[in-house]
């Protein structure tokens, strides 16, 4: 993988949640950007596919912001 973890997550978040290029992705959370249950599932699936691991239900539930997802992915590498 040529991108670092943060850049890869940023790409996923921008794609799934339609975060505008000028906006800071690092502050995105479940309370913003139309992050509903369907978007959450899409994020989980995209992250699992990209980083090739399966989240536990607890991990998926706790991954409710860009920063939480970043921490989770880094902890699984």
PDB file of N, CA and C in Angstrom:
ATOM      1  N   UNK A   1       0.852  -1.173   0.000  1.00  0.00           N
ATOM      2  CA  UNK A   1       0.000   0.000   0.000  1.00  0.00           C
ATOM      3  C   UNK A   1       0.900   1.238   0.000  1.00  0.00           C
ATOM      4  N   UNK A   2       0.704   2.095  -0.956  1.00  0.00           N
ATOM      5  CA  UNK A   2       1.584   3.251  -1.086  1.00  0.00           C
ATOM      6  C   UNK A   2       1.165   4.421  -0.198  1.00  0.00           C
ATOM      7  N   UNK A   3      -0.120   4.546   0.097  1.00  0.00           N
ATOM      8  CA  UNK A   3      -0.582   5.625   0.968  1.00  0.00           C
ATOM      9  C   UNK A   3      -0.376   5.244   2.429  1.00  0.00           C
ATOM     10  N   UNK A   4      -0.182   6.248   3.274  1.00  0.00           N
ATOM     11  CA  UNK A   4      -0.139   5.931   4.701  1.00  0.00           C
ATOM     12  C   UNK A   4      -1.567   5.750   5.208  1.00  0.00           C
ATOM     13  N   UNK A   5      -1.704   5.235   6.410  1.00  0.00           N
ATOM     14  CA  UNK A   5      -3.021   4.906   6.971  1.00  0.00           C
ATOM     15  C   UNK A   5      -3.932   6.127   7.003  1.00  0.00           C
ATOM     16  N   UNK A   6      -3.429   7.249   7.479  1.00  0.00           N
ATOM     17  CA  UNK A   6      -4.269   8.444   7.596  1.00  0.00           C
ATOM     18  C   UNK A   6      -4.761   8.917   6.233  1.00  0.00           C
ATOM     19  N   UNK A   7      -3.898   8.920   5.243  1.00  0.00           N
ATOM     20  CA  UNK A   7      -4.297   9.351   3.898  1.00  0.00           C
ATOM     21  C   UNK A   7      -5.308   8.381   3.289  1.00  0.00           C
ATOM     22  N   UNK A   8      -5.133   7.102   3.535  1.00  0.00           N
ATOM     23  CA  UNK A   8      -6.071   6.104   3.028  1.00  0.00           C
ATOM     24  C   UNK A   8      -7.438   6.279   3.677  1.00  0.00           C
ATOM     25  N   UNK A   9      -7.461   6.466   5.003  1.00  0.00           N
ATOM     26  CA  UNK A   9      -8.731   6.709   5.690  1.00  0.00           C
ATOM     27  C   UNK A   9      -9.386   7.989   5.205  1.00  0.00           C
ATOM     28  N   UNK A  10      -8.589   9.012   4.981  1.00  0.00           N
ATOM     29  CA  UNK A  10      -9.146  10.269   4.481  1.00  0.00           C
ATOM     30  C   UNK A  10      -9.832  10.036   3.138  1.00  0.00           C
ATOM     31  N   UNK A  11      -9.199   9.296   2.277  1.00  0.00           N
ATOM     32  CA  UNK A  11      -9.787   8.989   0.972  1.00  0.00           C
ATOM     33  C   UNK A  11     -11.113   8.235   1.143  1.00  0.00           C
ATOM     34  N   UNK A  12     -11.140   7.255   2.038  1.00  0.00           N
ATOM     35  CA  UNK A  12     -12.366   6.482   2.286  1.00  0.00           C
ATOM     36  C   UNK A  12     -13.471   7.375   2.844  1.00  0.00           C
ATOM     37  N   UNK A  13     -13.142   8.187   3.848  1.00  0.00           N
ATOM     38  CA  UNK A  13     -14.141   9.068   4.458  1.00  0.00           C
ATOM     39  C   UNK A  13     -14.686  10.065   3.450  1.00  0.00           C
ATOM     40  N   UNK A  14     -13.819  10.649   2.638  1.00  0.00           N
ATOM     41  CA  UNK A  14     -14.277  11.608   1.624  1.00  0.00           C
ATOM     42  C   UNK A  14     -15.213  10.930   0.628  1.00  0.00           C
ATOM     43  N   UNK A  15     -14.890   9.722   0.254  1.00  0.00           N
ATOM     44  CA  UNK A  15     -15.707   8.995  -0.715  1.00  0.00           C
ATOM     45  C   UNK A  15     -17.056   8.588  -0.127  1.00  0.00           C
ATOM     46  N   UNK A  16     -17.055   7.969   1.042  1.00  0.00           N
ATOM     47  CA  UNK A  16     -18.290   7.448   1.629  1.00  0.00           C
ATOM     48  C   UNK A  16     -19.188   8.565   2.149  1.00  0.00           C
ATOM     49  N   UNK A  17     -18.613   9.526   2.849  1.00  0.00           N
ATOM     50  CA  UNK A  17     -19.412  10.585   3.477  1.00  0.00           C
ATOM     51  C   UNK A  17     -19.507  11.858   2.640  1.00  0.00           C
ATOM     52  N   UNK A  18     -18.866  11.851   1.489  1.00  0.00           N
ATOM     53  CA  UNK A  18     -18.894  13.018   0.585  1.00  0.00           C
ATOM     54  C   UNK A  18     -18.379  14.280   1.275  1.00  0.00           C
ATOM     55  N   UNK A  19     -17.265  14.155   1.994  1.00  0.00           N
ATOM     56  CA  UNK A  19     -16.657  15.303   2.662  1.00  0.00           C
ATOM     57  C   UNK A  19     -15.965  16.151   1.598  1.00  0.00           C
ATOM     58  N   UNK A  20     -16.281  17.441   1.520  1.00  0.00           N
ATOM     59  CA  UNK A  20     -15.676  18.313   0.512  1.00  0.00           C
ATOM     60  C   UNK A  20     -14.154  18.399   0.658  1.00  0.00           C
ATOM     61  N   UNK A  21     -13.451  18.568  -0.444  1.00  0.00           N
ATOM     62  CA  UNK A  21     -11.986  18.622  -0.415  1.00  0.00           C
ATOM     63  C   UNK A  21     -11.415  19.696   0.508  1.00  0.00           C
ATOM     64  N   UNK A  22     -12.106  20.806   0.646  1.00  0.00           N
ATOM     65  CA  UNK A  22     -11.594  21.902   1.470  1.00  0.00           C
ATOM     66  C   UNK A  22     -11.817  21.680   2.962  1.00  0.00           C
ATOM     67  N   UNK A  23     -12.595  20.682   3.317  1.00  0.00           N
ATOM     68  CA  UNK A  23     -12.936  20.451   4.723  1.00  0.00           C
ATOM     69  C   UNK A  23     -11.960  19.480   5.382  1.00  0.00           C
ATOM     70  N   UNK A  24     -11.668  19.730   6.648  1.00  0.00           N
ATOM     71  CA  UNK A  24     -10.758  18.889   7.430  1.00  0.00           C
ATOM     72  C   UNK A  24     -11.470  17.601   7.838  1.00  0.00           C
ATOM     73  N   UNK A  25     -10.987  16.479   7.348  1.00  0.00           N
ATOM     74  CA  UNK A  25     -11.599  15.181   7.625  1.00  0.00           C
ATOM     75  C   UNK A  25     -11.334  14.734   9.063  1.00  0.00           C
ATOM     76  N   UNK A  26     -10.263  15.188   9.651  1.00  0.00           N
ATOM     77  CA  UNK A  26      -9.884  14.698  10.978  1.00  0.00           C
ATOM     78  C   UNK A  26     -10.907  15.030  12.064  1.00  0.00           C
ATOM     79  N   UNK A  27     -11.808  15.965  11.796  1.00  0.00           N
ATOM     80  CA  UNK A  27     -12.822  16.327  12.799  1.00  0.00           C
ATOM     81  C   UNK A  27     -14.182  15.683  12.523  1.00  0.00           C
ATOM     82  N   UNK A  28     -14.275  14.850  11.496  1.00  0.00           N
ATOM     83  CA  UNK A  28     -15.540  14.221  11.139  1.00  0.00           C
ATOM     84  C   UNK A  28     -15.908  13.171  12.192  1.00  0.00           C
ATOM     85  N   UNK A  29     -17.184  13.197  12.583  1.00  0.00           N
ATOM     86  CA  UNK A  29     -17.674  12.218  13.554  1.00  0.00           C
ATOM     87  C   UNK A  29     -19.099  11.817  13.186  1.00  0.00           C
ATOM     88  N   UNK A  30     -19.645  10.896  13.960  1.00  0.00           N
ATOM     89  CA  UNK A  30     -20.993  10.405  13.711  1.00  0.00           C
ATOM     90  C   UNK A  30     -22.027  11.530  13.775  1.00  0.00           C
ATOM     91  N   UNK A  31     -21.700  12.615  14.433  1.00  0.00           N
ATOM     92  CA  UNK A  31     -22.626  13.748  14.558  1.00  0.00           C
ATOM     93  C   UNK A  31     -22.581  14.683  13.348  1.00  0.00           C
ATOM     94  N   UNK A  32     -21.807  14.336  12.326  1.00  0.00           N
ATOM     95  CA  UNK A  32     -21.673  15.250  11.187  1.00  0.00           C
ATOM     96  C   UNK A  32     -21.710  14.501   9.855  1.00  0.00           C
ATOM     97  N   UNK A  33     -21.908  15.249   8.802  1.00  0.00           N
ATOM     98  CA  UNK A  33     -21.777  14.791   7.423  1.00  0.00           C
ATOM     99  C   UNK A  33     -22.712  13.655   7.022  1.00  0.00           C
ATOM    100  N   UNK A  34     -23.899  13.639   7.548  1.00  0.00           N
ATOM    101  CA  UNK A  34     -24.843  12.600   7.156  1.00  0.00           C
ATOM    102  C   UNK A  34     -24.391  11.199   7.535  1.00  0.00           C
ATOM    103  N   UNK A  35     -23.635  11.097   8.605  1.00  0.00           N
ATOM    104  CA  UNK A  35     -23.124   9.810   9.057  1.00  0.00           C
ATOM    105  C   UNK A  35     -24.245   9.095   9.791  1.00  0.00           C
ATOM    106  N   UNK A  36     -25.023   8.333   9.055  1.00  0.00           N
ATOM    107  CA  UNK A  36     -26.112   7.554   9.636  1.00  0.00           C
ATOM    108  C   UNK A  36     -25.702   6.082   9.673  1.00  0.00           C
ATOM    109  N   UNK A  37     -26.633   5.203   9.986  1.00  0.00           N
ATOM    110  CA  UNK A  37     -26.297   3.788  10.132  1.00  0.00           C
ATOM    111  C   UNK A  37     -25.829   3.165   8.814  1.00  0.00           C
ATOM    112  N   UNK A  38     -26.400   3.579   7.709  1.00  0.00           N
ATOM    113  CA  UNK A  38     -25.980   3.053   6.411  1.00  0.00           C
ATOM    114  C   UNK A  38     -24.565   3.542   6.074  1.00  0.00           C
ATOM    115  N   UNK A  39     -24.309   4.807   6.311  1.00  0.00           N
ATOM    116  CA  UNK A  39     -22.966   5.341   6.079  1.00  0.00           C
ATOM    117  C   UNK A  39     -21.952   4.640   6.986  1.00  0.00           C
ATOM    118  N   UNK A  40     -22.355   4.363   8.220  1.00  0.00           N
ATOM    119  CA  UNK A  40     -21.460   3.678   9.154  1.00  0.00           C
ATOM    120  C   UNK A  40     -21.095   2.289   8.622  1.00  0.00           C
ATOM    121  N   UNK A  41     -22.082   1.553   8.175  1.00  0.00           N
ATOM    122  CA  UNK A  41     -21.812   0.230   7.594  1.00  0.00           C
ATOM    123  C   UNK A  41     -20.912   0.332   6.375  1.00  0.00           C
ATOM    124  N   UNK A  42     -21.162   1.317   5.528  1.00  0.00           N
ATOM    125  CA  UNK A  42     -20.321   1.501   4.341  1.00  0.00           C
ATOM    126  C   UNK A  42     -18.885   1.834   4.720  1.00  0.00           C
ATOM    127  N   UNK A  43     -18.713   2.666   5.749  1.00  0.00           N
ATOM    128  CA  UNK A  43     -17.359   2.974   6.222  1.00  0.00           C
ATOM    129  C   UNK A  43     -16.666   1.728   6.766  1.00  0.00           C
ATOM    130  N   UNK A  44     -17.373   0.975   7.589  1.00  0.00           N
ATOM    131  CA  UNK A  44     -16.801  -0.240   8.176  1.00  0.00           C
ATOM    132  C   UNK A  44     -16.368  -1.200   7.071  1.00  0.00           C
ATOM    133  N   UNK A  45     -17.254  -1.430   6.108  1.00  0.00           N
ATOM    134  CA  UNK A  45     -16.936  -2.348   5.017  1.00  0.00           C
ATOM    135  C   UNK A  45     -15.753  -1.864   4.192  1.00  0.00           C
ATOM    136  N   UNK A  46     -15.713  -0.575   3.895  1.00  0.00           N
ATOM    137  CA  UNK A  46     -14.609  -0.031   3.103  1.00  0.00           C
ATOM    138  C   UNK A  46     -13.286  -0.135   3.852  1.00  0.00           C
ATOM    139  N   UNK A  47     -13.301   0.147   5.147  1.00  0.00           N
ATOM    140  CA  UNK A  47     -12.070   0.066   5.949  1.00  0.00           C
ATOM    141  C   UNK A  47     -11.618  -1.387   6.067  1.00  0.00           C
ATOM    142  N   UNK A  48     -12.553  -2.293   6.324  1.00  0.00           N
ATOM    143  CA  UNK A  48     -12.192  -3.709   6.430  1.00  0.00           C
ATOM    144  C   UNK A  48     -11.591  -4.222   5.124  1.00  0.00           C
ATOM    145  N   UNK A  49     -12.181  -3.841   4.019  1.00  0.00           N
ATOM    146  CA  UNK A  49     -11.671  -4.280   2.726  1.00  0.00           C
ATOM    147  C   UNK A  49     -10.294  -3.682   2.434  1.00  0.00           C
ATOM    148  N   UNK A  50     -10.143  -2.408   2.676  1.00  0.00           N
ATOM    149  CA  UNK A  50      -8.877  -1.727   2.382  1.00  0.00           C
ATOM    150  C   UNK A  50      -7.726  -2.259   3.232  1.00  0.00           C
ATOM    151  N   UNK A  51      -7.984  -2.458   4.520  1.00  0.00           N
ATOM    152  CA  UNK A  51      -6.920  -2.848   5.446  1.00  0.00           C
ATOM    153  C   UNK A  51      -6.903  -4.352   5.740  1.00  0.00           C
ATOM    154  N   UNK A  52      -7.809  -5.081   5.129  1.00  0.00           N
ATOM    155  CA  UNK A  52      -7.847  -6.539   5.189  1.00  0.00           C
ATOM    156  C   UNK A  52      -7.908  -7.098   6.610  1.00  0.00           C
ATOM    157  N   UNK A  53      -8.880  -6.631   7.364  1.00  0.00           N
ATOM    158  CA  UNK A  53      -9.177  -7.223   8.665  1.00  0.00           C
ATOM    159  C   UNK A  53     -10.664  -7.032   8.957  1.00  0.00           C
ATOM    160  N   UNK A  54     -11.176  -7.877   9.835  1.00  0.00           N
ATOM    161  CA  UNK A  54     -12.573  -7.797  10.233  1.00  0.00           C
ATOM    162  C   UNK A  54     -12.663  -7.156  11.610  1.00  0.00           C
ATOM    163  N   UNK A  55     -13.550  -6.187  11.736  1.00  0.00           N
ATOM    164  CA  UNK A  55     -13.765  -5.545  13.036  1.00  0.00           C
ATOM    165  C   UNK A  55     -14.712  -6.398  13.865  1.00  0.00           C
ATOM    166  N   UNK A  56     -14.487  -6.389  15.154  1.00  0.00           N
ATOM    167  CA  UNK A  56     -15.462  -6.995  16.058  1.00  0.00           C
ATOM    168  C   UNK A  56     -16.651  -6.044  16.138  1.00  0.00           C
ATOM    169  N   UNK A  57     -17.797  -6.527  16.590  1.00  0.00           N
ATOM    170  CA  UNK A  57     -18.941  -5.613  16.761  1.00  0.00           C
ATOM    171  C   UNK A  57     -18.613  -4.445  17.693  1.00  0.00           C
ATOM    172  N   UNK A  58     -17.834  -4.707  18.725  1.00  0.00           N
ATOM    173  CA  UNK A  58     -17.450  -3.641  19.661  1.00  0.00           C
ATOM    174  C   UNK A  58     -16.571  -2.599  18.981  1.00  0.00           C
ATOM    175  N   UNK A  59     -15.620  -3.063  18.160  1.00  0.00           N
ATOM    176  CA  UNK A  59     -14.744  -2.131  17.435  1.00  0.00           C
ATOM    177  C   UNK A  59     -15.557  -1.299  16.447  1.00  0.00           C
ATOM    178  N   UNK A  60     -16.445  -1.946  15.717  1.00  0.00           N
ATOM    179  CA  UNK A  60     -17.263  -1.230  14.738  1.00  0.00           C
ATOM    180  C   UNK A  60     -18.136  -0.180  15.412  1.00  0.00           C
ATOM    181  N   UNK A  61     -18.674  -0.517  16.567  1.00  0.00           N
ATOM    182  CA  UNK A  61     -19.510   0.431  17.303  1.00  0.00           C
ATOM    183  C   UNK A  61     -18.706   1.617  17.821  1.00  0.00           C
ATOM    184  N   UNK A  62     -17.494   1.352  18.262  1.00  0.00           N
ATOM    185  CA  UNK A  62     -16.650   2.412  18.825  1.00  0.00           C
ATOM    186  C   UNK A  62     -16.004   3.288  17.750  1.00  0.00           C
ATOM    187  N   UNK A  63     -15.985   2.840  16.516  1.00  0.00           N
ATOM    188  CA  UNK A  63     -15.358   3.591  15.425  1.00  0.00           C
ATOM    189  C   UNK A  63     -16.327   4.660  14.937  1.00  0.00           C
ATOM    190  N   UNK A  64     -16.560   5.669  15.767  1.00  0.00           N
ATOM    191  CA  UNK A  64     -17.598   6.662  15.493  1.00  0.00           C
ATOM    192  C   UNK A  64     -17.058   8.046  15.146  1.00  0.00           C
ATOM    193  N   UNK A  65     -15.788   8.095  14.777  1.00  0.00           N
ATOM    194  CA  UNK A  65     -15.185   9.344  14.300  1.00  0.00           C
ATOM    195  C   UNK A  65     -13.955   8.983  13.469  1.00  0.00           C
ATOM    196  N   UNK A  66     -13.471   9.955  12.740  1.00  0.00           N
ATOM    197  CA  UNK A  66     -12.255   9.714  11.957  1.00  0.00           C
ATOM    198  C   UNK A  66     -11.112   9.332  12.882  1.00  0.00           C
ATOM    199  N   UNK A  67     -10.973  10.050  13.990  1.00  0.00           N
ATOM    200  CA  UNK A  67      -9.874   9.787  14.916  1.00  0.00           C
ATOM    201  C   UNK A  67      -9.998   8.401  15.547  1.00  0.00           C
ATOM    202  N   UNK A  68     -11.207   7.995  15.913  1.00  0.00           N
ATOM    203  CA  UNK A  68     -11.412   6.663  16.491  1.00  0.00           C
ATOM    204  C   UNK A  68     -11.093   5.578  15.468  1.00  0.00           C
ATOM    205  N   UNK A  69     -11.486   5.785  14.221  1.00  0.00           N
ATOM    206  CA  UNK A  69     -11.197   4.816  13.167  1.00  0.00           C
ATOM    207  C   UNK A  69      -9.698   4.736  12.915  1.00  0.00           C
ATOM    208  N   UNK A  70      -9.042   5.874  12.922  1.00  0.00           N
ATOM    209  CA  UNK A  70      -7.592   5.906  12.725  1.00  0.00           C
ATOM    210  C   UNK A  70      -6.889   5.132  13.838  1.00  0.00           C
ATOM    211  N   UNK A  71      -7.303   5.362  15.064  1.00  0.00           N
ATOM    212  CA  UNK A  71      -6.722   4.647  16.201  1.00  0.00           C
ATOM    213  C   UNK A  71      -6.959   3.141  16.065  1.00  0.00           C
ATOM    214  N   UNK A  72      -8.154   2.757  15.685  1.00  0.00           N
ATOM    215  CA  UNK A  72      -8.479   1.348  15.520  1.00  0.00           C
ATOM    216  C   UNK A  72      -7.602   0.694  14.452  1.00  0.00           C
ATOM    217  N   UNK A  73      -7.516   1.319  13.300  1.00  0.00           N
ATOM    218  CA  UNK A  73      -6.718   0.739  12.216  1.00  0.00           C
ATOM    219  C   UNK A  73      -5.258   0.633  12.636  1.00  0.00           C
ATOM    220  N   UNK A  74      -4.732   1.665  13.251  1.00  0.00           N
ATOM    221  CA  UNK A  74      -3.333   1.617  13.698  1.00  0.00           C
ATOM    222  C   UNK A  74      -3.116   0.524  14.729  1.00  0.00           C
ATOM    223  N   UNK A  75      -4.101   0.277  15.577  1.00  0.00           N
ATOM    224  CA  UNK A  75      -3.944  -0.760  16.604  1.00  0.00           C
ATOM    225  C   UNK A  75      -4.017  -2.168  16.012  1.00  0.00           C
ATOM    226  N   UNK A  76      -4.604  -2.295  14.847  1.00  0.00           N
ATOM    227  CA  UNK A  76      -4.749  -3.606  14.210  1.00  0.00           C
ATOM    228  C   UNK A  76      -3.616  -3.934  13.252  1.00  0.00           C
ATOM    229  N   UNK A  77      -2.714  -3.008  13.035  1.00  0.00           N
ATOM    230  CA  UNK A  77      -1.600  -3.239  12.080  1.00  0.00           C
ATOM    231  C   UNK A  77      -0.424  -3.845  12.760  1.00  0.00           C
TER     232      UNK A  77
END
